[in-house]
């Protein structure tokens, strides 16, 4: 998947997830695109730093603390983007779980297409 298609897929996932959850508020699709861009930036820059800083807690919780790290990333995005808000940490946690599932579904279709292209190239 190209960067643009991943941002669009994440934007759609943000809209769907905000529609499903009453504790997440989104002004429109343009805001969803901005949220997707901010999440991409935060996941690339801030999340690795948070993961390194929280390694001991992550080990003690057998990796479950990474869910909290994802929720913190969502909270930062909600603070940074006007028109996107999350009512509480728990809504951010649920939002991050659903968003991850939807993004995995979108990426799963892309992985299948990539496998088919590789098979076509071999034969």
PDB file of N, CA and C in Angstrom:
ATOM      1  N   UNK A   1       0.837  -1.169   0.000  1.00  0.00           N
ATOM      2  CA  UNK A   1       0.000   0.000   0.000  1.00  0.00           C
ATOM      3  C   UNK A   1       0.890   1.242   0.000  1.00  0.00           C
ATOM      4  N   UNK A   2       0.563   2.178  -0.809  1.00  0.00           N
ATOM      5  CA  UNK A   2       1.325   3.419  -0.825  1.00  0.00           C
ATOM      6  C   UNK A   2       0.934   4.274   0.385  1.00  0.00           C
ATOM      7  N   UNK A   3       1.727   5.297   0.639  1.00  0.00           N
ATOM      8  CA  UNK A   3       1.459   6.174   1.777  1.00  0.00           C
ATOM      9  C   UNK A   3       0.083   6.830   1.661  1.00  0.00           C
ATOM     10  N   UNK A   4      -0.241   7.298   0.473  1.00  0.00           N
ATOM     11  CA  UNK A   4      -1.526   7.982   0.267  1.00  0.00           C
ATOM     12  C   UNK A   4      -2.691   7.025   0.499  1.00  0.00           C
ATOM     13  N   UNK A   5      -2.589   5.804  -0.007  1.00  0.00           N
ATOM     14  CA  UNK A   5      -3.682   4.848   0.181  1.00  0.00           C
ATOM     15  C   UNK A   5      -3.799   4.432   1.646  1.00  0.00           C
ATOM     16  N   UNK A   6      -2.675   4.345   2.365  1.00  0.00           N
ATOM     17  CA  UNK A   6      -2.741   4.038   3.796  1.00  0.00           C
ATOM     18  C   UNK A   6      -3.404   5.170   4.573  1.00  0.00           C
ATOM     19  N   UNK A   7      -3.082   6.420   4.197  1.00  0.00           N
ATOM     20  CA  UNK A   7      -3.707   7.563   4.867  1.00  0.00           C
ATOM     21  C   UNK A   7      -5.210   7.574   4.592  1.00  0.00           C
ATOM     22  N   UNK A   8      -5.609   7.308   3.354  1.00  0.00           N
ATOM     23  CA  UNK A   8      -7.043   7.266   3.026  1.00  0.00           C
ATOM     24  C   UNK A   8      -7.749   6.129   3.760  1.00  0.00           C
ATOM     25  N   UNK A   9      -7.105   4.961   3.826  1.00  0.00           N
ATOM     26  CA  UNK A   9      -7.694   3.828   4.542  1.00  0.00           C
ATOM     27  C   UNK A   9      -7.830   4.143   6.029  1.00  0.00           C
ATOM     28  N   UNK A  10      -6.811   4.756   6.596  1.00  0.00           N
ATOM     29  CA  UNK A  10      -6.880   5.137   8.006  1.00  0.00           C
ATOM     30  C   UNK A  10      -7.948   6.201   8.227  1.00  0.00           C
ATOM     31  N   UNK A  11      -8.097   7.122   7.281  1.00  0.00           N
ATOM     32  CA  UNK A  11      -9.135   8.154   7.387  1.00  0.00           C
ATOM     33  C   UNK A  11     -10.520   7.529   7.410  1.00  0.00           C
ATOM     34  N   UNK A  12     -10.738   6.569   6.543  1.00  0.00           N
ATOM     35  CA  UNK A  12     -12.028   5.865   6.519  1.00  0.00           C
ATOM     36  C   UNK A  12     -12.239   5.117   7.832  1.00  0.00           C
ATOM     37  N   UNK A  13     -11.180   4.476   8.331  1.00  0.00           N
ATOM     38  CA  UNK A  13     -11.271   3.761   9.602  1.00  0.00           C
ATOM     39  C   UNK A  13     -11.563   4.722  10.754  1.00  0.00           C
ATOM     40  N   UNK A  14     -10.982   5.911  10.723  1.00  0.00           N
ATOM     41  CA  UNK A  14     -11.245   6.921  11.756  1.00  0.00           C
ATOM     42  C   UNK A  14     -12.711   7.347  11.714  1.00  0.00           C
ATOM     43  N   UNK A  15     -13.245   7.579  10.525  1.00  0.00           N
ATOM     44  CA  UNK A  15     -14.651   7.981  10.389  1.00  0.00           C
ATOM     45  C   UNK A  15     -15.569   6.879  10.909  1.00  0.00           C
ATOM     46  N   UNK A  16     -15.313   5.645  10.507  1.00  0.00           N
ATOM     47  CA  UNK A  16     -16.157   4.520  10.936  1.00  0.00           C
ATOM     48  C   UNK A  16     -16.083   4.343  12.449  1.00  0.00           C
ATOM     49  N   UNK A  17     -14.871   4.405  12.995  1.00  0.00           N
ATOM     50  CA  UNK A  17     -14.702   4.216  14.433  1.00  0.00           C
ATOM     51  C   UNK A  17     -15.359   5.344  15.225  1.00  0.00           C
ATOM     52  N   UNK A  18     -15.214   6.572  14.756  1.00  0.00           N
ATOM     53  CA  UNK A  18     -15.862   7.701  15.440  1.00  0.00           C
ATOM     54  C   UNK A  18     -17.382   7.577  15.370  1.00  0.00           C
ATOM     55  N   UNK A  19     -17.890   7.030  14.272  1.00  0.00           N
ATOM     56  CA  UNK A  19     -19.328   6.825  14.132  1.00  0.00           C
ATOM     57  C   UNK A  19     -19.815   5.747  15.109  1.00  0.00           C
ATOM     58  N   UNK A  20     -18.990   4.721  15.336  1.00  0.00           N
ATOM     59  CA  UNK A  20     -19.367   3.622  16.227  1.00  0.00           C
ATOM     60  C   UNK A  20     -19.335   4.018  17.704  1.00  0.00           C
ATOM     61  N   UNK A  21     -18.407   4.890  18.077  1.00  0.00           N
ATOM     62  CA  UNK A  21     -18.187   5.200  19.486  1.00  0.00           C
ATOM     63  C   UNK A  21     -18.764   6.572  19.842  1.00  0.00           C
ATOM     64  N   UNK A  22     -19.609   6.600  20.850  1.00  0.00           N
ATOM     65  CA  UNK A  22     -20.230   7.866  21.244  1.00  0.00           C
ATOM     66  C   UNK A  22     -19.265   8.795  21.972  1.00  0.00           C
ATOM     67  N   UNK A  23     -18.155   8.275  22.463  1.00  0.00           N
ATOM     68  CA  UNK A  23     -17.191   9.098  23.186  1.00  0.00           C
ATOM     69  C   UNK A  23     -16.120   9.702  22.303  1.00  0.00           C
ATOM     70  N   UNK A  24     -16.229   9.494  20.991  1.00  0.00           N
ATOM     71  CA  UNK A  24     -15.263  10.048  20.037  1.00  0.00           C
ATOM     72  C   UNK A  24     -16.028  10.955  19.085  1.00  0.00           C
ATOM     73  N   UNK A  25     -15.529  12.175  18.917  1.00  0.00           N
ATOM     74  CA  UNK A  25     -16.230  13.172  18.108  1.00  0.00           C
ATOM     75  C   UNK A  25     -15.332  13.643  16.972  1.00  0.00           C
ATOM     76  N   UNK A  26     -15.902  13.680  15.771  1.00  0.00           N
ATOM     77  CA  UNK A  26     -15.158  14.040  14.567  1.00  0.00           C
ATOM     78  C   UNK A  26     -16.019  14.977  13.733  1.00  0.00           C
ATOM     79  N   UNK A  27     -15.421  16.077  13.259  1.00  0.00           N
ATOM     80  CA  UNK A  27     -16.190  17.076  12.507  1.00  0.00           C
ATOM     81  C   UNK A  27     -16.486  16.677  11.070  1.00  0.00           C
ATOM     82  N   UNK A  28     -15.606  15.944  10.419  1.00  0.00           N
ATOM     83  CA  UNK A  28     -15.841  15.583   9.030  1.00  0.00           C
ATOM     84  C   UNK A  28     -14.689  14.777   8.459  1.00  0.00           C
ATOM     85  N   UNK A  29     -14.819  14.444   7.171  1.00  0.00           N
ATOM     86  CA  UNK A  29     -13.808  13.590   6.547  1.00  0.00           C
ATOM     87  C   UNK A  29     -12.465  14.299   6.417  1.00  0.00           C
ATOM     88  N   UNK A  30     -12.477  15.604   6.182  1.00  0.00           N
ATOM     89  CA  UNK A  30     -11.214  16.342   6.089  1.00  0.00           C
ATOM     90  C   UNK A  30     -10.470  16.288   7.421  1.00  0.00           C
ATOM     91  N   UNK A  31     -11.210  16.378   8.505  1.00  0.00           N
ATOM     92  CA  UNK A  31     -10.604  16.236   9.833  1.00  0.00           C
ATOM     93  C   UNK A  31     -10.043  14.832  10.005  1.00  0.00           C
ATOM     94  N   UNK A  32     -10.741  13.826   9.473  1.00  0.00           N
ATOM     95  CA  UNK A  32     -10.257  12.446   9.558  1.00  0.00           C
ATOM     96  C   UNK A  32      -8.936  12.284   8.809  1.00  0.00           C
ATOM     97  N   UNK A  33      -8.791  12.955   7.673  1.00  0.00           N
ATOM     98  CA  UNK A  33      -7.526  12.897   6.933  1.00  0.00           C
ATOM     99  C   UNK A  33      -6.406  13.527   7.760  1.00  0.00           C
ATOM    100  N   UNK A  34      -6.706  14.649   8.404  1.00  0.00           N
ATOM    101  CA  UNK A  34      -5.702  15.297   9.256  1.00  0.00           C
ATOM    102  C   UNK A  34      -5.349  14.398  10.438  1.00  0.00           C
ATOM    103  N   UNK A  35      -6.351  13.753  11.035  1.00  0.00           N
ATOM    104  CA  UNK A  35      -6.104  12.814  12.136  1.00  0.00           C
ATOM    105  C   UNK A  35      -5.207  11.676  11.661  1.00  0.00           C
ATOM    106  N   UNK A  36      -5.474  11.140  10.481  1.00  0.00           N
ATOM    107  CA  UNK A  36      -4.652  10.050   9.947  1.00  0.00           C
ATOM    108  C   UNK A  36      -3.209  10.502   9.743  1.00  0.00           C
ATOM    109  N   UNK A  37      -3.018  11.713   9.236  1.00  0.00           N
ATOM    110  CA  UNK A  37      -1.660  12.242   9.049  1.00  0.00           C
ATOM    111  C   UNK A  37      -0.956  12.442  10.389  1.00  0.00           C
ATOM    112  N   UNK A  38      -1.671  12.987  11.368  1.00  0.00           N
ATOM    113  CA  UNK A  38      -1.081  13.189  12.695  1.00  0.00           C
ATOM    114  C   UNK A  38      -0.753  11.848  13.341  1.00  0.00           C
ATOM    115  N   UNK A  39      -1.642  10.864  13.205  1.00  0.00           N
ATOM    116  CA  UNK A  39      -1.365   9.534  13.756  1.00  0.00           C
ATOM    117  C   UNK A  39      -0.152   8.897  13.086  1.00  0.00           C
ATOM    118  N   UNK A  40      -0.012   9.082  11.781  1.00  0.00           N
ATOM    119  CA  UNK A  40       1.159   8.546  11.081  1.00  0.00           C
ATOM    120  C   UNK A  40       2.432   9.173  11.632  1.00  0.00           C
ATOM    121  N   UNK A  41       2.408  10.489  11.829  1.00  0.00           N
ATOM    122  CA  UNK A  41       3.572  11.181  12.387  1.00  0.00           C
ATOM    123  C   UNK A  41       3.866  10.702  13.808  1.00  0.00           C
ATOM    124  N   UNK A  42       2.831  10.647  14.649  1.00  0.00           N
ATOM    125  CA  UNK A  42       3.024  10.228  16.036  1.00  0.00           C
ATOM    126  C   UNK A  42       3.502   8.787  16.129  1.00  0.00           C
ATOM    127  N   UNK A  43       2.959   7.912  15.286  1.00  0.00           N
ATOM    128  CA  UNK A  43       3.392   6.514  15.300  1.00  0.00           C
ATOM    129  C   UNK A  43       4.825   6.356  14.817  1.00  0.00           C
ATOM    130  N   UNK A  44       5.273   7.255  13.947  1.00  0.00           N
ATOM    131  CA  UNK A  44       6.639   7.172  13.434  1.00  0.00           C
ATOM    132  C   UNK A  44       7.654   7.801  14.380  1.00  0.00           C
ATOM    133  N   UNK A  45       7.282   8.868  15.064  1.00  0.00           N
ATOM    134  CA  UNK A  45       8.238   9.622  15.874  1.00  0.00           C
ATOM    135  C   UNK A  45       8.051   9.403  17.377  1.00  0.00           C
ATOM    136  N   UNK A  46       6.862   9.618  17.876  1.00  0.00           N
ATOM    137  CA  UNK A  46       6.626   9.612  19.320  1.00  0.00           C
ATOM    138  C   UNK A  46       6.484   8.200  19.886  1.00  0.00           C
ATOM    139  N   UNK A  47       5.769   7.334  19.188  1.00  0.00           N
ATOM    140  CA  UNK A  47       5.502   5.995  19.714  1.00  0.00           C
ATOM    141  C   UNK A  47       6.774   5.196  20.001  1.00  0.00           C
ATOM    142  N   UNK A  48       7.782   5.190  19.116  1.00  0.00           N
ATOM    143  CA  UNK A  48       9.008   4.450  19.460  1.00  0.00           C
ATOM    144  C   UNK A  48       9.682   4.973  20.733  1.00  0.00           C
ATOM    145  N   UNK A  49       9.629   6.281  20.939  1.00  0.00           N
ATOM    146  CA  UNK A  49      10.215   6.857  22.154  1.00  0.00           C
ATOM    147  C   UNK A  49       9.433   6.400  23.381  1.00  0.00           C
ATOM    148  N   UNK A  50       8.099   6.437  23.294  1.00  0.00           N
ATOM    149  CA  UNK A  50       7.272   5.972  24.409  1.00  0.00           C
ATOM    150  C   UNK A  50       7.504   4.494  24.700  1.00  0.00           C
ATOM    151  N   UNK A  51       7.659   3.701  23.662  1.00  0.00           N
ATOM    152  CA  UNK A  51       7.893   2.264  23.857  1.00  0.00           C
ATOM    153  C   UNK A  51       9.211   2.035  24.580  1.00  0.00           C
ATOM    154  N   UNK A  52      10.249   2.754  24.175  1.00  0.00           N
ATOM    155  CA  UNK A  52      11.553   2.595  24.833  1.00  0.00           C
ATOM    156  C   UNK A  52      11.473   3.028  26.296  1.00  0.00           C
ATOM    157  N   UNK A  53      10.794   4.135  26.562  1.00  0.00           N
ATOM    158  CA  UNK A  53      10.683   4.627  27.935  1.00  0.00           C
ATOM    159  C   UNK A  53       9.856   3.711  28.834  1.00  0.00           C
ATOM    160  N   UNK A  54       8.964   2.941  28.245  1.00  0.00           N
ATOM    161  CA  UNK A  54       8.064   2.100  29.050  1.00  0.00           C
ATOM    162  C   UNK A  54       8.393   0.608  28.953  1.00  0.00           C
ATOM    163  N   UNK A  55       9.597   0.274  28.529  1.00  0.00           N
ATOM    164  CA  UNK A  55       9.970  -1.149  28.403  1.00  0.00           C
ATOM    165  C   UNK A  55       9.766  -1.920  29.708  1.00  0.00           C
ATOM    166  N   UNK A  56      10.214  -1.414  30.873  1.00  0.00           N
ATOM    167  CA  UNK A  56      10.013  -2.203  32.102  1.00  0.00           C
ATOM    168  C   UNK A  56       8.540  -2.508  32.392  1.00  0.00           C
ATOM    169  N   UNK A  57       7.682  -1.504  32.254  1.00  0.00           N
ATOM    170  CA  UNK A  57       6.248  -1.716  32.508  1.00  0.00           C
ATOM    171  C   UNK A  57       5.661  -2.660  31.467  1.00  0.00           C
ATOM    172  N   UNK A  58       6.093  -2.522  30.224  1.00  0.00           N
ATOM    173  CA  UNK A  58       5.602  -3.392  29.155  1.00  0.00           C
ATOM    174  C   UNK A  58       5.982  -4.843  29.429  1.00  0.00           C
ATOM    175  N   UNK A  59       7.192  -5.064  29.915  1.00  0.00           N
ATOM    176  CA  UNK A  59       7.626  -6.430  30.240  1.00  0.00           C
ATOM    177  C   UNK A  59       6.809  -6.980  31.403  1.00  0.00           C
ATOM    178  N   UNK A  60       6.609  -6.162  32.430  1.00  0.00           N
ATOM    179  CA  UNK A  60       5.842  -6.615  33.596  1.00  0.00           C
ATOM    180  C   UNK A  60       4.397  -6.954  33.247  1.00  0.00           C
ATOM    181  N   UNK A  61       3.833  -6.243  32.283  1.00  0.00           N
ATOM    182  CA  UNK A  61       2.436  -6.486  31.899  1.00  0.00           C
ATOM    183  C   UNK A  61       2.321  -7.426  30.703  1.00  0.00           C
ATOM    184  N   UNK A  62       3.427  -8.023  30.321  1.00  0.00           N
ATOM    185  CA  UNK A  62       3.477  -8.959  29.194  1.00  0.00           C
ATOM    186  C   UNK A  62       2.973  -8.322  27.894  1.00  0.00           C
ATOM    187  N   UNK A  63       3.293  -7.050  27.720  1.00  0.00           N
ATOM    188  CA  UNK A  63       2.960  -6.355  26.485  1.00  0.00           C
ATOM    189  C   UNK A  63       1.635  -5.624  26.489  1.00  0.00           C
ATOM    190  N   UNK A  64       0.816  -5.831  27.510  1.00  0.00           N
ATOM    191  CA  UNK A  64      -0.500  -5.182  27.535  1.00  0.00           C
ATOM    192  C   UNK A  64      -0.401  -3.669  27.690  1.00  0.00           C
ATOM    193  N   UNK A  65       0.711  -3.187  28.242  1.00  0.00           N
ATOM    194  CA  UNK A  65       0.860  -1.739  28.404  1.00  0.00           C
ATOM    195  C   UNK A  65       0.950  -1.035  27.055  1.00  0.00           C
ATOM    196  N   UNK A  66       1.283  -1.766  25.999  1.00  0.00           N
ATOM    197  CA  UNK A  66       1.321  -1.154  24.666  1.00  0.00           C
ATOM    198  C   UNK A  66      -0.057  -0.651  24.242  1.00  0.00           C
ATOM    199  N   UNK A  67      -1.113  -1.262  24.775  1.00  0.00           N
ATOM    200  CA  UNK A  67      -2.462  -0.747  24.519  1.00  0.00           C
ATOM    201  C   UNK A  67      -2.616   0.651  25.111  1.00  0.00           C
ATOM    202  N   UNK A  68      -2.050   0.853  26.295  1.00  0.00           N
ATOM    203  CA  UNK A  68      -2.088   2.180  26.912  1.00  0.00           C
ATOM    204  C   UNK A  68      -1.266   3.176  26.109  1.00  0.00           C
ATOM    205  N   UNK A  69      -0.139   2.732  25.567  1.00  0.00           N
ATOM    206  CA  UNK A  69       0.682   3.607  24.724  1.00  0.00           C
ATOM    207  C   UNK A  69      -0.118   4.039  23.496  1.00  0.00           C
ATOM    208  N   UNK A  70      -0.846   3.112  22.889  1.00  0.00           N
ATOM    209  CA  UNK A  70      -1.695   3.459  21.741  1.00  0.00           C
ATOM    210  C   UNK A  70      -2.763   4.478  22.136  1.00  0.00           C
ATOM    211  N   UNK A  71      -3.365   4.291  23.301  1.00  0.00           N
ATOM    212  CA  UNK A  71      -4.385   5.235  23.762  1.00  0.00           C
ATOM    213  C   UNK A  71      -3.776   6.614  24.019  1.00  0.00           C
ATOM    214  N   UNK A  72      -2.562   6.651  24.533  1.00  0.00           N
ATOM    215  CA  UNK A  72      -1.879   7.931  24.751  1.00  0.00           C
ATOM    216  C   UNK A  72      -1.634   8.632  23.420  1.00  0.00           C
ATOM    217  N   UNK A  73      -1.253   7.863  22.398  1.00  0.00           N
ATOM    218  CA  UNK A  73      -1.048   8.434  21.062  1.00  0.00           C
ATOM    219  C   UNK A  73      -2.363   9.037  20.545  1.00  0.00           C
ATOM    220  N   UNK A  74      -3.476   8.342  20.757  1.00  0.00           N
ATOM    221  CA  UNK A  74      -4.785   8.855  20.336  1.00  0.00           C
ATOM    222  C   UNK A  74      -5.121  10.134  21.100  1.00  0.00           C
ATOM    223  N   UNK A  75      -4.841  10.159  22.396  1.00  0.00           N
ATOM    224  CA  UNK A  75      -5.099  11.360  23.199  1.00  0.00           C
ATOM    225  C   UNK A  75      -4.267  12.542  22.708  1.00  0.00           C
ATOM    226  N   UNK A  76      -3.013  12.303  22.349  1.00  0.00           N
ATOM    227  CA  UNK A  76      -2.162  13.372  21.817  1.00  0.00           C
ATOM    228  C   UNK A  76      -2.732  13.886  20.497  1.00  0.00           C
ATOM    229  N   UNK A  77      -3.179  12.964  19.644  1.00  0.00           N
ATOM    230  CA  UNK A  77      -3.775  13.369  18.364  1.00  0.00           C
ATOM    231  C   UNK A  77      -5.042  14.191  18.595  1.00  0.00           C
ATOM    232  N   UNK A  78      -5.851  13.784  19.566  1.00  0.00           N
ATOM    233  CA  UNK A  78      -7.077  14.533  19.864  1.00  0.00           C
ATOM    234  C   UNK A  78      -6.750  15.933  20.375  1.00  0.00           C
ATOM    235  N   UNK A  79      -5.675  16.059  21.113  1.00  0.00           N
ATOM    236  CA  UNK A  79      -5.253  17.374  21.602  1.00  0.00           C
ATOM    237  C   UNK A  79      -4.731  18.240  20.456  1.00  0.00           C
ATOM    238  N   UNK A  80      -4.070  17.618  19.490  1.00  0.00           N
ATOM    239  CA  UNK A  80      -3.408  18.360  18.411  1.00  0.00           C
ATOM    240  C   UNK A  80      -4.351  18.759  17.278  1.00  0.00           C
ATOM    241  N   UNK A  81      -5.409  17.995  17.054  1.00  0.00           N
ATOM    242  CA  UNK A  81      -6.273  18.224  15.892  1.00  0.00           C
ATOM    243  C   UNK A  81      -7.591  18.861  16.334  1.00  0.00           C
ATOM    244  N   UNK A  82      -7.858  20.035  15.803  1.00  0.00           N
ATOM    245  CA  UNK A  82      -9.135  20.700  16.059  1.00  0.00           C
ATOM    246  C   UNK A  82     -10.233  19.955  15.294  1.00  0.00           C
ATOM    247  N   UNK A  83     -11.342  19.685  15.959  1.00  0.00           N
ATOM    248  CA  UNK A  83     -12.436  18.968  15.315  1.00  0.00           C
ATOM    249  C   UNK A  83     -12.425  17.480  15.602  1.00  0.00           C
ATOM    250  N   UNK A  84     -11.448  17.029  16.384  1.00  0.00           N
ATOM    251  CA  UNK A  84     -11.363  15.627  16.783  1.00  0.00           C
ATOM    252  C   UNK A  84     -11.179  15.605  18.290  1.00  0.00           C
ATOM    253  N   UNK A  85     -12.089  14.946  18.988  1.00  0.00           N
ATOM    254  CA  UNK A  85     -11.971  14.879  20.445  1.00  0.00           C
ATOM    255  C   UNK A  85     -12.369  13.497  20.940  1.00  0.00           C
ATOM    256  N   UNK A  86     -11.762  13.135  22.058  1.00  0.00           N
ATOM    257  CA  UNK A  86     -12.038  11.864  22.715  1.00  0.00           C
ATOM    258  C   UNK A  86     -12.389  12.197  24.161  1.00  0.00           C
ATOM    259  N   UNK A  87     -13.503  11.670  24.651  1.00  0.00           N
ATOM    260  CA  UNK A  87     -14.008  12.049  25.971  1.00  0.00           C
ATOM    261  C   UNK A  87     -13.133  11.593  27.130  1.00  0.00           C
ATOM    262  N   UNK A  88     -12.517  10.398  27.022  1.00  0.00           N
ATOM    263  CA  UNK A  88     -11.710   9.898  28.134  1.00  0.00           C
ATOM    264  C   UNK A  88     -10.643   8.935  27.618  1.00  0.00           C
ATOM    265  N   UNK A  89      -9.778   8.551  28.535  1.00  0.00           N
ATOM    266  CA  UNK A  89      -8.727   7.595  28.201  1.00  0.00           C
ATOM    267  C   UNK A  89      -9.327   6.276  27.713  1.00  0.00           C
ATOM    268  N   UNK A  90     -10.418   5.853  28.338  1.00  0.00           N
ATOM    269  CA  UNK A  90     -11.024   4.564  27.983  1.00  0.00           C
ATOM    270  C   UNK A  90     -11.619   4.590  26.579  1.00  0.00           C
ATOM    271  N   UNK A  91     -12.188   5.726  26.186  1.00  0.00           N
ATOM    272  CA  UNK A  91     -12.668   5.867  24.807  1.00  0.00           C
ATOM    273  C   UNK A  91     -11.485   5.841  23.845  1.00  0.00           C
ATOM    274  N   UNK A  92     -10.377   6.458  24.241  1.00  0.00           N
ATOM    275  CA  UNK A  92      -9.176   6.444  23.400  1.00  0.00           C
ATOM    276  C   UNK A  92      -8.648   5.020  23.253  1.00  0.00           C
ATOM    277  N   UNK A  93      -8.693   4.251  24.337  1.00  0.00           N
ATOM    278  CA  UNK A  93      -8.245   2.859  24.286  1.00  0.00           C
ATOM    279  C   UNK A  93      -9.131   2.043  23.350  1.00  0.00           C
ATOM    280  N   UNK A  94     -10.435   2.187  23.484  1.00  0.00           N
ATOM    281  CA  UNK A  94     -11.366   1.466  22.611  1.00  0.00           C
ATOM    282  C   UNK A  94     -11.223   1.927  21.161  1.00  0.00           C
ATOM    283  N   UNK A  95     -11.050   3.234  20.962  1.00  0.00           N
ATOM    284  CA  UNK A  95     -10.840   3.787  19.625  1.00  0.00           C
ATOM    285  C   UNK A  95      -9.593   3.174  18.992  1.00  0.00           C
ATOM    286  N   UNK A  96      -8.504   3.088  19.750  1.00  0.00           N
ATOM    287  CA  UNK A  96      -7.261   2.537  19.194  1.00  0.00           C
ATOM    288  C   UNK A  96      -7.405   1.057  18.854  1.00  0.00           C
ATOM    289  N   UNK A  97      -8.154   0.319  19.661  1.00  0.00           N
ATOM    290  CA  UNK A  97      -8.371  -1.105  19.361  1.00  0.00           C
ATOM    291  C   UNK A  97      -9.162  -1.288  18.067  1.00  0.00           C
ATOM    292  N   UNK A  98     -10.264  -0.568  17.942  1.00  0.00           N
ATOM    293  CA  UNK A  98     -11.098  -0.696  16.742  1.00  0.00           C
ATOM    294  C   UNK A  98     -10.358  -0.188  15.513  1.00  0.00           C
ATOM    295  N   UNK A  99      -9.642   0.923  15.661  1.00  0.00           N
ATOM    296  CA  UNK A  99      -8.865   1.469  14.548  1.00  0.00           C
ATOM    297  C   UNK A  99      -7.803   0.474  14.092  1.00  0.00           C
ATOM    298  N   UNK A 100      -7.151  -0.187  15.030  1.00  0.00           N
ATOM    299  CA  UNK A 100      -6.142  -1.194  14.678  1.00  0.00           C
ATOM    300  C   UNK A 100      -6.758  -2.367  13.926  1.00  0.00           C
ATOM    301  N   UNK A 101      -7.924  -2.798  14.375  1.00  0.00           N
ATOM    302  CA  UNK A 101      -8.603  -3.913  13.701  1.00  0.00           C
ATOM    303  C   UNK A 101      -8.977  -3.527  12.274  1.00  0.00           C
ATOM    304  N   UNK A 102      -9.564  -2.340  12.110  1.00  0.00           N
ATOM    305  CA  UNK A 102      -9.955  -1.900  10.766  1.00  0.00           C
ATOM    306  C   UNK A 102      -8.740  -1.723   9.863  1.00  0.00           C
ATOM    307  N   UNK A 103      -7.667  -1.137  10.390  1.00  0.00           N
ATOM    308  CA  UNK A 103      -6.453  -0.975   9.583  1.00  0.00           C
ATOM    309  C   UNK A 103      -5.849  -2.324   9.211  1.00  0.00           C
ATOM    310  N   UNK A 104      -5.939  -3.295  10.104  1.00  0.00           N
ATOM    311  CA  UNK A 104      -5.449  -4.640   9.787  1.00  0.00           C
ATOM    312  C   UNK A 104      -6.270  -5.278   8.675  1.00  0.00           C
ATOM    313  N   UNK A 105      -7.576  -5.056   8.710  1.00  0.00           N
ATOM    314  CA  UNK A 105      -8.427  -5.588   7.641  1.00  0.00           C
ATOM    315  C   UNK A 105      -8.070  -4.962   6.299  1.00  0.00           C
ATOM    316  N   UNK A 106      -7.852  -3.648   6.292  1.00  0.00           N
ATOM    317  CA  UNK A 106      -7.453  -2.974   5.047  1.00  0.00           C
ATOM    318  C   UNK A 106      -6.094  -3.462   4.577  1.00  0.00           C
ATOM    319  N   UNK A 107      -5.152  -3.605   5.493  1.00  0.00           N
ATOM    320  CA  UNK A 107      -3.803  -4.055   5.130  1.00  0.00           C
ATOM    321  C   UNK A 107      -3.813  -5.523   4.720  1.00  0.00           C
ATOM    322  N   UNK A 108      -4.719  -6.312   5.301  1.00  0.00           N
ATOM    323  CA  UNK A 108      -4.810  -7.724   4.939  1.00  0.00           C
ATOM    324  C   UNK A 108      -5.180  -7.903   3.487  1.00  0.00           C
ATOM    325  N   UNK A 109      -6.098  -7.084   2.995  1.00  0.00           N
ATOM    326  CA  UNK A 109      -6.456  -7.144   1.582  1.00  0.00           C
ATOM    327  C   UNK A 109      -5.270  -6.770   0.718  1.00  0.00           C
ATOM    328  N   UNK A 110      -4.493  -5.800   1.153  1.00  0.00           N
ATOM    329  CA  UNK A 110      -3.322  -5.377   0.393  1.00  0.00           C
ATOM    330  C   UNK A 110      -2.258  -6.476   0.386  1.00  0.00           C
ATOM    331  N   UNK A 111      -2.073  -7.158   1.523  1.00  0.00           N
ATOM    332  CA  UNK A 111      -1.100  -8.246   1.577  1.00  0.00           C
ATOM    333  C   UNK A 111      -1.479  -9.364   0.618  1.00  0.00           C
ATOM    334  N   UNK A 112      -2.770  -9.653   0.524  1.00  0.00           N
ATOM    335  CA  UNK A 112      -3.225 -10.694  -0.399  1.00  0.00           C
ATOM    336  C   UNK A 112      -2.938 -10.289  -1.841  1.00  0.00           C
ATOM    337  N   UNK A 113      -3.183  -9.031  -2.180  1.00  0.00           N
ATOM    338  CA  UNK A 113      -2.879  -8.547  -3.531  1.00  0.00           C
ATOM    339  C   UNK A 113      -1.388  -8.620  -3.812  1.00  0.00           C
ATOM    340  N   UNK A 114      -0.567  -8.288  -2.816  1.00  0.00           N
ATOM    341  CA  UNK A 114       0.876  -8.329  -2.986  1.00  0.00           C
ATOM    342  C   UNK A 114       1.341  -9.772  -3.229  1.00  0.00           C
ATOM    343  N   UNK A 115       0.761 -10.734  -2.510  1.00  0.00           N
ATOM    344  CA  UNK A 115       1.122 -12.137  -2.714  1.00  0.00           C
ATOM    345  C   UNK A 115       0.776 -12.577  -4.131  1.00  0.00           C
ATOM    346  N   UNK A 116      -0.413 -12.184  -4.594  1.00  0.00           N
ATOM    347  CA  UNK A 116      -0.817 -12.549  -5.948  1.00  0.00           C
ATOM    348  C   UNK A 116       0.121 -11.949  -6.981  1.00  0.00           C
ATOM    349  N   UNK A 117       0.565 -10.723  -6.786  1.00  0.00           N
ATOM    350  CA  UNK A 117       1.502 -10.098  -7.717  1.00  0.00           C
ATOM    351  C   UNK A 117       2.826 -10.841  -7.723  1.00  0.00           C
ATOM    352  N   UNK A 118       3.279 -11.284  -6.552  1.00  0.00           N
ATOM    353  CA  UNK A 118       4.535 -12.028  -6.488  1.00  0.00           C
ATOM    354  C   UNK A 118       4.408 -13.369  -7.197  1.00  0.00           C
ATOM    355  N   UNK A 119       3.270 -14.043  -7.048  1.00  0.00           N
ATOM    356  CA  UNK A 119       3.069 -15.313  -7.738  1.00  0.00           C
ATOM    357  C   UNK A 119       3.026 -15.107  -9.246  1.00  0.00           C
ATOM    358  N   UNK A 120       2.379 -14.023  -9.672  1.00  0.00           N
ATOM    359  CA  UNK A 120       2.324 -13.733 -11.103  1.00  0.00           C
ATOM    360  C   UNK A 120       3.714 -13.461 -11.654  1.00  0.00           C
ATOM    361  N   UNK A 121       4.541 -12.807 -10.875  1.00  0.00           N
ATOM    362  CA  UNK A 121       5.888 -12.491 -11.310  1.00  0.00           C
ATOM    363  C   UNK A 121       6.739 -13.766 -11.442  1.00  0.00           C
ATOM    364  N   UNK A 122       6.514 -14.734 -10.557  1.00  0.00           N
ATOM    365  CA  UNK A 122       7.297 -15.968 -10.573  1.00  0.00           C
ATOM    366  C   UNK A 122       6.916 -16.838 -11.759  1.00  0.00           C
ATOM    367  N   UNK A 123       5.629 -16.934 -12.058  1.00  0.00           N
ATOM    368  CA  UNK A 123       5.185 -17.839 -13.126  1.00  0.00           C
ATOM    369  C   UNK A 123       5.268 -17.247 -14.495  1.00  0.00           C
TER     370      UNK A 123
END
